[in-house]
Amino acid sequence: MPSPASPQLGTPSAPTMAAPWTAPPGTPSGREPDVVTGALAAAALRIECGREGFARARSFTRRTLSGWSLDHCGDDAAVVVTELAANAATHAVPFAPEGCTDVWLGLALDGAHLVLTVSDPCGSRPVPTHPAGPGLAEHGRGLGIVDALAEEWGWTPRPPEGKTVWARLPTRPPH
């Protein structure tokens, strides 16, 4: 399934959202926007890879979900966004082509689901790792956490280079 931040849109189940790496009309040339919002329930943010950038991504996610009356999704969404962004910063950005280090967060409503995406400049597939043995491993649990919180997750290549990793969370309130 194409993710909403993928340029391969068009399937009826995929929400339509302007690709976050494309400047919206009216953006001065040579300047990329930090935030792009669409006419539908969709929003995107360029993420700076680092502690402040991840905090900004979590805050942006919570504010956006609050505006969509989805505060009850905020905790899970913030964890998923952080894990996906940290994976992009750790495993994609260092191996990206020179000058192509942008990482984008996308949020979109798709029926009864919230679709979270993180797009990065590296085309290699995400590889879930399984920490050896019991205990509290410090690294290698990110996609396992995403898998536990999301109804489904996956990735889509983003030509000419890059990928979008996506996760779908239910929007229904807890009982």
Protein backbone atom coordinates (compact mmCIF):
# COMPACT_ATOMS: atom_id res chain seq x y z
CA MET A 1 0.00 0.00 0.00
CA PRO A 2 1.46 3.40 -0.84
CA SER A 3 1.86 5.68 2.11
CA PRO A 4 0.29 9.14 2.06
CA ALA A 5 3.67 10.80 1.77
CA SER A 6 4.61 8.66 -1.21
CA PRO A 7 4.54 10.04 -4.73
CA GLN A 8 2.81 6.79 -5.78
CA LEU A 9 -0.68 7.89 -4.78
CA GLY A 10 -3.84 7.12 -6.57
CA THR A 11 -5.30 4.00 -5.04
CA PRO A 12 -8.76 4.66 -3.61
CA SER A 13 -7.71 3.65 -0.08
CA ALA A 14 -4.71 5.97 0.01
CA PRO A 15 -5.33 9.48 1.35
CA THR A 16 -4.35 12.22 -1.03
CA MET A 17 -1.63 14.44 0.36
CA ALA A 18 0.85 16.65 -1.38
CA ALA A 19 4.28 15.11 -1.20
CA PRO A 20 6.04 16.92 1.65
CA TRP A 21 9.23 17.42 -0.32
CA THR A 22 7.35 19.55 -2.86
CA ALA A 23 6.91 23.22 -2.01
CA PRO A 24 3.28 24.38 -2.05
CA PRO A 25 2.18 27.16 -4.40
CA GLY A 26 3.33 30.55 -3.17
CA THR A 27 6.49 29.30 -1.43
CA PRO A 28 9.40 31.54 -2.45
CA SER A 29 11.74 29.69 -4.79
CA GLY A 30 14.87 28.32 -3.19
CA ARG A 31 13.21 28.07 0.23
CA GLU A 32 11.67 24.84 1.41
CA PRO A 33 8.76 25.12 3.82
CA ASP A 34 9.09 23.70 7.33
CA VAL A 35 5.42 22.81 7.45
CA VAL A 36 3.13 21.87 4.60
CA THR A 37 -0.57 21.38 5.16
CA GLY A 38 -3.11 20.18 2.65
CA ALA A 39 -6.80 20.84 2.08
CA LEU A 40 -7.63 17.40 3.53
CA ALA A 41 -6.84 16.23 7.03
CA ALA A 42 -3.13 15.96 6.35
CA ALA A 43 -0.02 17.74 7.54
CA ALA A 44 3.73 17.39 7.16
CA LEU A 45 6.81 18.64 8.95
CA ARG A 46 10.50 18.56 8.04
CA ILE A 47 12.29 16.89 10.95
CA GLU A 48 15.72 17.95 12.10
CA CYS A 49 17.59 14.82 13.15
CA GLY A 50 18.40 15.34 16.80
CA ARG A 51 16.84 15.67 20.23
CA GLU A 52 15.18 19.06 19.50
CA GLY A 53 13.94 17.90 16.12
CA PHE A 54 12.35 14.79 17.60
CA ALA A 55 10.74 16.85 20.38
CA ARG A 56 9.38 19.24 17.74
CA ALA A 57 7.98 16.27 15.77
CA ARG A 58 6.21 14.94 18.89
CA SER A 59 4.80 18.39 19.69
CA PHE A 60 3.66 18.89 16.09
CA THR A 61 1.99 15.46 16.16
CA ARG A 62 0.14 16.18 19.41
CA ARG A 63 -0.97 19.67 18.26
CA THR A 64 -2.17 18.36 14.91
CA LEU A 65 -4.08 15.48 16.50
CA SER A 66 -5.63 17.85 19.03
CA GLY A 67 -6.84 20.02 16.15
CA TRP A 68 -8.41 16.91 14.61
CA SER A 69 -10.05 15.98 17.98
CA LEU A 70 -7.82 12.92 18.24
CA ASP A 71 -6.08 13.68 21.53
CA HIS A 72 -6.67 10.06 22.57
CA CYS A 73 -4.25 8.96 19.80
CA GLY A 74 -1.49 11.35 20.90
CA ASP A 75 0.58 9.07 23.13
CA ASP A 76 0.82 6.16 20.69
CA ALA A 77 1.32 8.48 17.71
CA ALA A 78 4.13 10.38 19.49
CA VAL A 79 5.94 7.12 20.29
CA VAL A 80 5.59 5.83 16.71
CA VAL A 81 6.77 9.14 15.25
CA THR A 82 9.79 9.20 17.55
CA GLU A 83 10.78 5.63 16.73
CA LEU A 84 10.43 6.12 12.97
CA ALA A 85 12.28 9.44 13.02
CA ALA A 86 15.08 8.02 15.17
CA ASN A 87 15.44 5.09 12.76
CA ALA A 88 15.67 7.50 9.82
CA ALA A 89 18.30 9.60 11.61
CA THR A 90 20.34 6.55 12.65
CA HIS A 91 20.03 4.22 9.68
CA ALA A 92 19.20 6.40 6.65
CA VAL A 93 20.60 9.91 6.88
CA PRO A 94 24.25 8.82 7.39
CA PHE A 95 24.06 6.77 4.17
CA ALA A 96 22.11 9.29 2.07
CA PRO A 97 23.57 10.89 -1.04
CA GLU A 98 25.52 14.11 -0.44
CA GLY A 99 23.17 17.02 0.25
CA CYS A 100 20.05 14.83 0.54
CA THR A 101 19.44 14.59 4.27
CA ASP A 102 15.84 15.76 4.64
CA VAL A 103 13.54 13.64 6.78
CA TRP A 104 9.81 14.37 6.66
CA LEU A 105 6.97 13.50 9.00
CA GLY A 106 3.52 13.09 7.48
CA LEU A 107 0.18 12.78 9.26
CA ALA A 108 -3.05 11.95 7.44
CA LEU A 109 -6.51 10.70 8.22
CA ASP A 110 -7.60 7.71 6.18
CA GLY A 111 -11.14 6.79 7.21
CA ALA A 112 -10.95 5.32 10.70
CA HIS A 113 -7.15 5.39 10.75
CA LEU A 114 -4.38 7.83 11.37
CA VAL A 115 -1.51 7.24 8.97
CA LEU A 116 1.90 8.34 10.23
CA THR A 117 4.78 8.49 7.77
CA VAL A 118 8.46 9.27 7.95
CA SER A 119 10.22 9.79 4.63
CA ASP A 120 13.99 9.66 4.38
CA PRO A 121 16.58 9.86 1.58
CA CYS A 122 17.87 6.27 1.81
CA GLY A 123 16.24 3.58 -0.31
CA SER A 124 17.21 0.59 1.83
CA ARG A 125 14.37 -1.29 3.47
CA PRO A 126 13.79 -0.98 7.22
CA VAL A 127 15.06 -4.06 9.03
CA PRO A 128 13.40 -5.04 12.30
CA THR A 129 15.90 -6.38 14.82
CA HIS A 130 15.18 -8.66 17.71
CA PRO A 131 17.36 -7.88 20.72
CA ALA A 132 19.04 -10.99 22.07
CA GLY A 133 18.03 -12.22 25.48
CA PRO A 134 15.86 -10.72 28.17
CA GLY A 135 16.47 -7.33 29.63
CA LEU A 136 16.15 -3.76 28.60
CA ALA A 137 18.11 -3.38 25.39
CA GLU A 138 18.93 0.25 24.70
CA HIS A 139 18.81 -0.07 20.90
CA GLY A 140 17.10 -2.22 18.30
CA ARG A 141 13.54 -2.23 19.59
CA GLY A 142 12.04 0.65 17.56
CA LEU A 143 10.21 -1.26 14.84
CA GLY A 144 9.07 -3.82 17.43
CA ILE A 145 7.45 -0.96 19.35
CA VAL A 146 5.88 0.37 16.14
CA ASP A 147 4.60 -3.13 15.38
CA ALA A 148 3.04 -3.38 18.84
CA LEU A 149 1.27 -0.01 18.61
CA ALA A 150 0.18 0.04 14.96
CA GLU A 151 -2.53 -2.04 13.32
CA GLU A 152 -0.12 -2.38 10.44
CA TRP A 153 3.07 -0.79 9.19
CA GLY A 154 5.28 -1.02 6.15
CA TRP A 155 7.39 0.96 3.75
CA THR A 156 7.23 2.28 0.22
CA PRO A 157 10.14 3.19 -2.05
CA ARG A 158 10.25 6.89 -2.95
CA PRO A 159 11.88 7.40 -6.36
CA PRO A 160 14.39 8.53 -7.39
CA GLU A 161 15.95 7.74 -4.00
CA GLY A 162 14.50 7.25 -0.57
CA LYS A 163 11.64 5.54 1.18
CA THR A 164 8.63 6.27 3.31
CA VAL A 165 7.97 4.13 6.38
CA TRP A 166 4.32 4.26 7.44
CA ALA A 167 2.17 3.06 10.32
CA ARG A 168 -1.62 2.98 10.63
CA LEU A 169 -3.20 3.61 14.02
CA PRO A 170 -6.93 3.31 14.74
CA THR A 171 -8.71 6.60 15.51
CA ARG A 172 -11.57 5.13 17.51
CA PRO A 173 -11.52 6.22 21.15
CA PRO A 174 -10.74 3.55 23.78
CA HIS A 175 -13.76 1.98 25.48
